[in-house]
N, C-alpha and C. Protein backbone atom coordinates (compact mmCIF):
# COMPACT_ATOMS: atom_id res chain seq x y z
N UNK A 1 0.84 -1.17 0.00
CA UNK A 1 0.00 0.00 0.00
C UNK A 1 0.90 1.24 0.00
N UNK A 2 0.52 2.24 -0.78
CA UNK A 2 1.28 3.49 -0.84
C UNK A 2 1.00 4.29 0.43
N UNK A 3 2.06 4.57 1.18
CA UNK A 3 1.92 5.30 2.44
C UNK A 3 2.18 6.79 2.27
N UNK A 4 3.10 7.13 1.36
CA UNK A 4 3.46 8.54 1.18
C UNK A 4 3.98 8.75 -0.23
N UNK A 5 3.74 9.94 -0.78
CA UNK A 5 4.23 10.31 -2.10
C UNK A 5 4.82 11.70 -2.00
N UNK A 6 6.07 11.85 -2.48
CA UNK A 6 6.72 13.16 -2.46
C UNK A 6 7.28 13.45 -3.84
N UNK A 7 6.79 14.51 -4.47
CA UNK A 7 7.30 14.97 -5.76
C UNK A 7 8.55 15.80 -5.48
N UNK A 8 9.68 15.43 -6.10
CA UNK A 8 10.92 16.17 -5.85
C UNK A 8 11.55 16.66 -7.15
N UNK A 9 10.71 17.15 -8.05
CA UNK A 9 11.21 17.72 -9.31
C UNK A 9 11.43 16.67 -10.37
N UNK A 10 12.66 16.17 -10.47
CA UNK A 10 12.99 15.18 -11.51
C UNK A 10 12.50 13.79 -11.15
N UNK A 11 12.13 13.58 -9.89
CA UNK A 11 11.72 12.26 -9.40
C UNK A 11 10.50 12.38 -8.50
N UNK A 12 9.85 11.25 -8.30
CA UNK A 12 8.81 11.13 -7.29
C UNK A 12 9.22 10.00 -6.37
N UNK A 13 9.11 10.24 -5.06
CA UNK A 13 9.48 9.24 -4.06
C UNK A 13 8.21 8.65 -3.46
N UNK A 14 8.13 7.33 -3.48
CA UNK A 14 6.99 6.61 -2.92
C UNK A 14 7.46 5.79 -1.73
N UNK A 15 6.72 5.86 -0.63
CA UNK A 15 6.96 4.96 0.50
C UNK A 15 5.83 3.93 0.44
N UNK A 16 6.21 2.67 0.28
CA UNK A 16 5.23 1.59 0.12
C UNK A 16 5.38 0.61 1.28
N UNK A 17 4.28 0.30 1.95
CA UNK A 17 4.28 -0.69 3.02
C UNK A 17 4.14 -2.07 2.40
N UNK A 18 5.12 -2.93 2.66
CA UNK A 18 5.07 -4.30 2.17
C UNK A 18 4.36 -5.20 3.17
N UNK A 19 4.65 -4.97 4.46
CA UNK A 19 4.00 -5.68 5.56
C UNK A 19 3.84 -4.67 6.69
N UNK A 20 3.32 -5.12 7.82
CA UNK A 20 3.20 -4.23 8.98
C UNK A 20 4.55 -3.70 9.44
N UNK A 21 5.63 -4.48 9.23
CA UNK A 21 6.95 -4.09 9.73
C UNK A 21 7.94 -3.73 8.63
N UNK A 22 7.57 -3.91 7.37
CA UNK A 22 8.53 -3.67 6.28
C UNK A 22 7.99 -2.62 5.30
N UNK A 23 8.84 -1.64 5.02
CA UNK A 23 8.51 -0.60 4.06
C UNK A 23 9.63 -0.52 3.04
N UNK A 24 9.30 -0.01 1.87
CA UNK A 24 10.29 0.20 0.83
C UNK A 24 10.11 1.62 0.30
N UNK A 25 11.23 2.27 0.02
CA UNK A 25 11.20 3.60 -0.57
C UNK A 25 11.58 3.45 -2.04
N UNK A 26 10.71 3.92 -2.91
CA UNK A 26 10.92 3.80 -4.35
C UNK A 26 11.06 5.19 -4.94
N UNK A 27 12.11 5.37 -5.74
CA UNK A 27 12.33 6.64 -6.43
C UNK A 27 12.09 6.40 -7.91
N UNK A 28 11.15 7.14 -8.47
CA UNK A 28 10.81 6.97 -9.89
C UNK A 28 11.06 8.28 -10.63
N UNK A 29 11.82 8.20 -11.71
CA UNK A 29 12.10 9.39 -12.51
C UNK A 29 10.82 9.87 -13.17
N UNK A 30 10.66 11.20 -13.22
CA UNK A 30 9.49 11.81 -13.84
C UNK A 30 9.75 12.05 -15.32
N UNK A 31 9.96 10.97 -16.07
CA UNK A 31 10.25 11.07 -17.50
C UNK A 31 8.97 11.34 -18.29
N UNK A 32 7.92 10.64 -17.95
CA UNK A 32 6.65 10.74 -18.66
C UNK A 32 5.65 11.51 -17.80
N UNK A 33 5.11 12.65 -18.28
CA UNK A 33 4.17 13.42 -17.46
C UNK A 33 2.90 12.65 -17.11
N UNK A 34 2.59 11.59 -17.85
CA UNK A 34 1.40 10.79 -17.55
C UNK A 34 1.60 9.92 -16.31
N UNK A 35 2.85 9.74 -15.88
CA UNK A 35 3.12 8.96 -14.67
C UNK A 35 2.83 9.76 -13.40
N UNK A 36 2.80 11.09 -13.50
CA UNK A 36 2.48 11.90 -12.33
C UNK A 36 1.05 11.61 -11.91
N UNK A 37 0.82 11.53 -10.63
CA UNK A 37 -0.50 11.23 -10.07
C UNK A 37 -1.04 9.86 -10.50
N UNK A 38 -0.14 8.95 -10.85
CA UNK A 38 -0.56 7.61 -11.26
C UNK A 38 -1.03 6.79 -10.06
N UNK A 39 -0.43 7.04 -8.90
CA UNK A 39 -0.79 6.31 -7.69
C UNK A 39 -1.28 7.29 -6.64
N UNK A 40 -2.09 6.79 -5.71
CA UNK A 40 -2.62 7.62 -4.63
C UNK A 40 -2.25 7.02 -3.29
N UNK A 41 -2.14 7.87 -2.28
CA UNK A 41 -1.89 7.39 -0.92
C UNK A 41 -3.04 6.46 -0.52
N UNK A 42 -2.68 5.32 0.04
CA UNK A 42 -3.67 4.33 0.45
C UNK A 42 -3.97 3.28 -0.61
N UNK A 43 -3.47 3.50 -1.83
CA UNK A 43 -3.72 2.56 -2.92
C UNK A 43 -2.84 1.32 -2.78
N UNK A 44 -3.41 0.16 -3.03
CA UNK A 44 -2.63 -1.09 -3.04
C UNK A 44 -1.90 -1.18 -4.37
N UNK A 45 -0.61 -1.52 -4.30
CA UNK A 45 0.21 -1.62 -5.50
C UNK A 45 1.04 -2.90 -5.44
N UNK A 46 1.51 -3.34 -6.60
CA UNK A 46 2.45 -4.44 -6.69
C UNK A 46 3.82 -3.85 -6.98
N UNK A 47 4.85 -4.40 -6.35
CA UNK A 47 6.22 -3.93 -6.54
C UNK A 47 7.02 -5.05 -7.20
N UNK A 48 7.64 -4.73 -8.33
CA UNK A 48 8.46 -5.69 -9.05
C UNK A 48 9.77 -5.00 -9.39
N UNK A 49 10.86 -5.40 -8.72
CA UNK A 49 12.15 -4.72 -8.87
C UNK A 49 13.23 -5.75 -9.21
N UNK A 50 14.01 -5.51 -10.26
CA UNK A 50 15.15 -6.41 -10.53
C UNK A 50 16.10 -6.39 -9.33
N UNK A 51 16.58 -7.55 -8.94
CA UNK A 51 17.41 -7.68 -7.74
C UNK A 51 18.65 -6.79 -7.80
N UNK A 52 19.22 -6.55 -8.98
CA UNK A 52 20.42 -5.72 -9.08
C UNK A 52 20.15 -4.25 -8.79
N UNK A 53 18.88 -3.87 -8.70
CA UNK A 53 18.53 -2.48 -8.39
C UNK A 53 18.14 -2.27 -6.94
N UNK A 54 18.33 -3.27 -6.10
CA UNK A 54 17.93 -3.18 -4.70
C UNK A 54 19.14 -2.93 -3.81
N UNK A 55 19.00 -1.99 -2.89
CA UNK A 55 20.00 -1.75 -1.85
C UNK A 55 19.33 -1.97 -0.51
N UNK A 56 19.87 -2.88 0.28
CA UNK A 56 19.31 -3.19 1.59
C UNK A 56 20.07 -2.39 2.63
N UNK A 57 19.35 -1.62 3.43
CA UNK A 57 19.96 -0.83 4.50
C UNK A 57 19.36 -1.27 5.82
N UNK A 58 20.20 -1.65 6.73
CA UNK A 58 19.78 -2.07 8.06
C UNK A 58 20.34 -1.10 9.08
N UNK A 59 19.53 -0.73 10.05
CA UNK A 59 20.02 0.14 11.11
C UNK A 59 21.01 -0.62 11.99
N UNK A 60 21.94 0.11 12.57
CA UNK A 60 22.91 -0.43 13.53
C UNK A 60 23.88 -1.45 12.94
N UNK A 61 24.11 -1.40 11.63
CA UNK A 61 25.11 -2.26 11.01
C UNK A 61 26.28 -1.42 10.54
N UNK A 62 27.47 -1.99 10.61
CA UNK A 62 28.64 -1.30 10.09
C UNK A 62 28.59 -1.33 8.56
N UNK A 63 29.41 -0.50 7.92
CA UNK A 63 29.45 -0.47 6.45
C UNK A 63 29.83 -1.84 5.90
N UNK A 64 30.78 -2.50 6.54
CA UNK A 64 31.22 -3.84 6.10
C UNK A 64 30.06 -4.83 6.17
N UNK A 65 29.29 -4.78 7.24
CA UNK A 65 28.14 -5.68 7.39
C UNK A 65 27.07 -5.38 6.34
N UNK A 66 26.87 -4.10 6.02
CA UNK A 66 25.89 -3.72 5.00
C UNK A 66 26.29 -4.26 3.63
N UNK A 67 27.58 -4.16 3.31
CA UNK A 67 28.06 -4.67 2.02
C UNK A 67 27.81 -6.17 1.94
N UNK A 68 28.10 -6.90 3.01
CA UNK A 68 27.85 -8.34 3.03
C UNK A 68 26.37 -8.63 2.83
N UNK A 69 25.52 -7.87 3.49
CA UNK A 69 24.08 -8.09 3.41
C UNK A 69 23.58 -7.85 1.98
N UNK A 70 24.05 -6.79 1.35
CA UNK A 70 23.63 -6.49 -0.02
C UNK A 70 24.13 -7.56 -0.98
N UNK A 71 25.40 -7.98 -0.83
CA UNK A 71 25.93 -9.04 -1.69
C UNK A 71 25.13 -10.32 -1.50
N UNK A 72 24.80 -10.64 -0.27
CA UNK A 72 24.01 -11.83 0.01
C UNK A 72 22.63 -11.73 -0.64
N UNK A 73 22.04 -10.54 -0.62
CA UNK A 73 20.70 -10.35 -1.18
C UNK A 73 20.68 -10.58 -2.68
N UNK A 74 21.80 -10.34 -3.36
CA UNK A 74 21.86 -10.49 -4.81
C UNK A 74 21.99 -11.94 -5.24
N UNK A 75 22.46 -12.80 -4.35
CA UNK A 75 22.69 -14.20 -4.72
C UNK A 75 21.43 -15.03 -4.60
């Protein structure tokens, strides 16, 4: 479900709730003006992202641990 939408000029940032405890922030380039206002807050959406475009960030992890986590996520 779309929780928040922020237009930032060249991009639009979407905060999407995947579960009660997991959220994802999606940045979409505003290349096509028809994409603006395509989604609304509260709307259910499907997220399909190629694994090579995902960065996993965990709080309280060192940079080395984050790199390991991201590499692990790609495999």
